Amino acid sequence: MGRLTTHVLDTALGKPARGLKIDLWHRGDAPVLLSSHVTNADGRVDAPILEGDRFEIGEFELQFHAGDYLKDTGQDLPKPLFLDVIPIRFGIAEPDGHYHVPLLLSPFGYSTYRGS
């Protein structure tokens, strides 16, 4: 059975990003919000973000609410923030695959990839 997971690491502080809100959208003719999550102390969501009958071939978007998280870290940040909501659009082509979409985050940049 396929599933979608994520992991957020704060590269500026060198630790997992705890308390970061993540929204999952299905991108189709009209975007549909499928679920919302908050990362735990390990920077992960407690269960797969998407699995079972809802895990299907299609286009999706994870929205990482980085701005709110960054403000809560107490770092010296510019106003307005350089990064706020980070959208990552991706496609699911393997209905039985494991799609892991990690986010490496700092106040001025981020990176992502398909992990394992």
C-alpha atoms as a PDB file:
ATOM      1  CA  MET A   1       0.000   0.000   0.000  1.00  0.00           C
ATOM      2  CA  GLY A   2       1.322   3.439  -0.908  1.00  0.00           C
ATOM      3  CA  ARG A   3       1.940   6.217   1.559  1.00  0.00           C
ATOM      4  CA  LEU A   4       3.187   9.791   1.851  1.00  0.00           C
ATOM      5  CA  THR A   5       5.444  10.930   4.695  1.00  0.00           C
ATOM      6  CA  THR A   6       7.597  13.964   5.484  1.00  0.00           C
ATOM      7  CA  HIS A   7      10.302  15.158   7.850  1.00  0.00           C
ATOM      8  CA  VAL A   8      11.284  18.791   8.508  1.00  0.00           C
ATOM      9  CA  LEU A   9      14.754  19.732   9.727  1.00  0.00           C
ATOM     10  CA  ASP A  10      15.784  23.236  10.758  1.00  0.00           C
ATOM     11  CA  THR A  11      19.281  23.494   9.289  1.00  0.00           C
ATOM     12  CA  ALA A  12      19.942  26.899  10.904  1.00  0.00           C
ATOM     13  CA  LEU A  13      19.379  25.523  14.398  1.00  0.00           C
ATOM     14  CA  GLY A  14      20.594  22.002  13.627  1.00  0.00           C
ATOM     15  CA  LYS A  15      17.520  20.229  14.947  1.00  0.00           C
ATOM     16  CA  PRO A  16      14.094  18.903  13.911  1.00  0.00           C
ATOM     17  CA  ALA A  17      11.418  21.523  13.266  1.00  0.00           C
ATOM     18  CA  ARG A  18       8.868  20.916  16.007  1.00  0.00           C
ATOM     19  CA  GLY A  19       5.381  22.458  15.741  1.00  0.00           C
ATOM     20  CA  LEU A  20       5.439  23.267  12.014  1.00  0.00           C
ATOM     21  CA  LYS A  21       2.011  23.139  10.365  1.00  0.00           C
ATOM     22  CA  ILE A  22       1.697  21.241   7.065  1.00  0.00           C
ATOM     23  CA  ASP A  23      -1.320  21.183   4.743  1.00  0.00           C
ATOM     24  CA  LEU A  24      -1.825  18.578   2.033  1.00  0.00           C
ATOM     25  CA  TRP A  25      -3.720  19.604  -1.098  1.00  0.00           C
ATOM     26  CA  HIS A  26      -4.900  17.497  -4.017  1.00  0.00           C
ATOM     27  CA  ARG A  27      -4.270  19.477  -7.199  1.00  0.00           C
ATOM     28  CA  GLY A  28      -6.921  18.880  -9.821  1.00  0.00           C
ATOM     29  CA  ASP A  29      -9.401  21.045 -11.630  1.00  0.00           C
ATOM     30  CA  ALA A  30      -9.923  22.793  -8.298  1.00  0.00           C
ATOM     31  CA  PRO A  31      -7.491  22.336  -5.370  1.00  0.00           C
ATOM     32  CA  VAL A  32      -8.938  20.396  -2.421  1.00  0.00           C
ATOM     33  CA  LEU A  33      -7.494  20.510   1.094  1.00  0.00           C
ATOM     34  CA  LEU A  34      -7.120  16.870   2.168  1.00  0.00           C
ATOM     35  CA  SER A  35      -5.576  17.247   5.622  1.00  0.00           C
ATOM     36  CA  SER A  36      -3.587  19.393   8.040  1.00  0.00           C
ATOM     37  CA  HIS A  37      -0.815  18.217  10.360  1.00  0.00           C
ATOM     38  CA  VAL A  38       1.730  19.524  12.868  1.00  0.00           C
ATOM     39  CA  THR A  39       5.236  18.119  13.234  1.00  0.00           C
ATOM     40  CA  ASN A  40       6.242  16.397  16.454  1.00  0.00           C
ATOM     41  CA  ALA A  41       9.501  16.713  18.443  1.00  0.00           C
ATOM     42  CA  ASP A  42      11.311  14.685  15.763  1.00  0.00           C
ATOM     43  CA  GLY A  43      10.103  17.018  12.973  1.00  0.00           C
ATOM     44  CA  ARG A  44       7.798  14.315  11.641  1.00  0.00           C
ATOM     45  CA  VAL A  45       4.056  13.799  11.458  1.00  0.00           C
ATOM     46  CA  ASP A  46       2.891  10.982  13.760  1.00  0.00           C
ATOM     47  CA  ALA A  47       1.309   8.936  10.955  1.00  0.00           C
ATOM     48  CA  PRO A  48       1.510   8.920   7.147  1.00  0.00           C
ATOM     49  CA  ILE A  49       0.060  12.102   5.661  1.00  0.00           C
ATOM     50  CA  LEU A  50      -1.672  10.114   2.961  1.00  0.00           C
ATOM     51  CA  GLU A  51      -2.342   6.383   2.665  1.00  0.00           C
ATOM     52  CA  GLY A  52      -5.054   3.854   1.971  1.00  0.00           C
ATOM     53  CA  ASP A  53      -7.909   4.658  -0.395  1.00  0.00           C
ATOM     54  CA  ARG A  54      -6.936   8.329  -0.607  1.00  0.00           C
ATOM     55  CA  PHE A  55      -3.441   7.500  -1.866  1.00  0.00           C
ATOM     56  CA  GLU A  56      -3.807   7.650  -5.629  1.00  0.00           C
ATOM     57  CA  ILE A  57      -2.081   8.709  -8.818  1.00  0.00           C
ATOM     58  CA  GLY A  58      -2.281  12.463  -9.229  1.00  0.00           C
ATOM     59  CA  GLU A  59      -0.778  15.839  -8.454  1.00  0.00           C
ATOM     60  CA  PHE A  60      -0.467  17.037  -4.877  1.00  0.00           C
ATOM     61  CA  GLU A  61       0.956  19.944  -2.907  1.00  0.00           C
ATOM     62  CA  LEU A  62       2.386  20.108   0.581  1.00  0.00           C
ATOM     63  CA  GLN A  63       2.264  23.582   2.106  1.00  0.00           C
ATOM     64  CA  PHE A  64       4.782  24.033   4.892  1.00  0.00           C
ATOM     65  CA  HIS A  65       3.886  26.989   7.146  1.00  0.00           C
ATOM     66  CA  ALA A  66       7.526  27.884   7.742  1.00  0.00           C
ATOM     67  CA  GLY A  67       6.948  31.528   8.679  1.00  0.00           C
ATOM     68  CA  ASP A  68       4.898  30.731  11.766  1.00  0.00           C
ATOM     69  CA  TYR A  69       7.442  28.118  12.829  1.00  0.00           C
ATOM     70  CA  LEU A  70      10.426  30.433  12.264  1.00  0.00           C
ATOM     71  CA  LYS A  71       8.839  33.232  14.306  1.00  0.00           C
ATOM     72  CA  ASP A  72       8.392  30.814  17.213  1.00  0.00           C
ATOM     73  CA  THR A  73      12.108  29.842  17.235  1.00  0.00           C
ATOM     74  CA  GLY A  74      13.243  33.228  18.539  1.00  0.00           C
ATOM     75  CA  GLN A  75      15.754  33.735  15.717  1.00  0.00           C
ATOM     76  CA  ASP A  76      16.547  37.265  14.566  1.00  0.00           C
ATOM     77  CA  LEU A  77      14.408  37.467  11.424  1.00  0.00           C
ATOM     78  CA  PRO A  78      13.734  40.225   8.889  1.00  0.00           C
ATOM     79  CA  LYS A  79      10.320  41.850   8.598  1.00  0.00           C
ATOM     80  CA  PRO A  80       8.721  40.794   6.391  1.00  0.00           C
ATOM     81  CA  LEU A  81      10.046  37.245   6.491  1.00  0.00           C
ATOM     82  CA  PHE A  82      11.940  36.024   3.467  1.00  0.00           C
ATOM     83  CA  LEU A  83      10.078  32.678   3.623  1.00  0.00           C
ATOM     84  CA  ASP A  84       6.526  32.171   4.789  1.00  0.00           C
ATOM     85  CA  VAL A  85       4.463  29.336   3.283  1.00  0.00           C
ATOM     86  CA  ILE A  86       6.575  26.931   1.229  1.00  0.00           C
ATOM     87  CA  PRO A  87       4.564  25.022  -1.405  1.00  0.00           C
ATOM     88  CA  ILE A  88       6.000  21.802  -2.803  1.00  0.00           C
ATOM     89  CA  ARG A  89       4.054  20.403  -5.749  1.00  0.00           C
ATOM     90  CA  PHE A  90       4.748  16.826  -6.764  1.00  0.00           C
ATOM     91  CA  GLY A  91       3.168  13.953  -8.625  1.00  0.00           C
ATOM     92  CA  ILE A  92       2.358  10.464  -7.417  1.00  0.00           C
ATOM     93  CA  ALA A  93       2.776   7.962 -10.248  1.00  0.00           C
ATOM     94  CA  GLU A  94       3.216   4.745  -8.252  1.00  0.00           C
ATOM     95  CA  PRO A  95       0.058   3.804  -6.311  1.00  0.00           C
ATOM     96  CA  ASP A  96       2.033   1.318  -4.196  1.00  0.00           C
ATOM     97  CA  GLY A  97       5.073   3.558  -3.672  1.00  0.00           C
ATOM     98  CA  HIS A  98       6.440   5.264  -0.606  1.00  0.00           C
ATOM     99  CA  TYR A  99       6.738   8.985  -1.255  1.00  0.00           C
ATOM    100  CA  HIS A 100       8.826  10.711   1.386  1.00  0.00           C
ATOM    101  CA  VAL A 101       9.102  14.492   0.905  1.00  0.00           C
ATOM    102  CA  PRO A 102      11.529  15.957   3.449  1.00  0.00           C
ATOM    103  CA  LEU A 103      12.115  19.671   3.906  1.00  0.00           C
ATOM    104  CA  LEU A 104      15.455  21.106   4.986  1.00  0.00           C
ATOM    105  CA  LEU A 105      14.662  24.600   6.214  1.00  0.00           C
ATOM    106  CA  SER A 106      16.445  27.800   7.239  1.00  0.00           C
ATOM    107  CA  PRO A 107      15.156  31.389   7.391  1.00  0.00           C
ATOM    108  CA  PHE A 108      16.636  32.138   3.954  1.00  0.00           C
ATOM    109  CA  GLY A 109      16.431  28.890   2.009  1.00  0.00           C
ATOM    110  CA  TYR A 110      15.146  25.358   1.777  1.00  0.00           C
ATOM    111  CA  SER A 111      15.633  22.164  -0.164  1.00  0.00           C
ATOM    112  CA  THR A 112      13.651  19.024  -0.753  1.00  0.00           C
ATOM    113  CA  TYR A 113      13.897  15.725  -2.596  1.00  0.00           C
ATOM    114  CA  ARG A 114      12.111  12.388  -2.878  1.00  0.00           C
ATOM    115  CA  GLY A 115      13.493  10.432   0.029  1.00  0.00           C
ATOM    116  CA  SER A 116      13.023   6.887   1.177  1.00  0.00           C
END
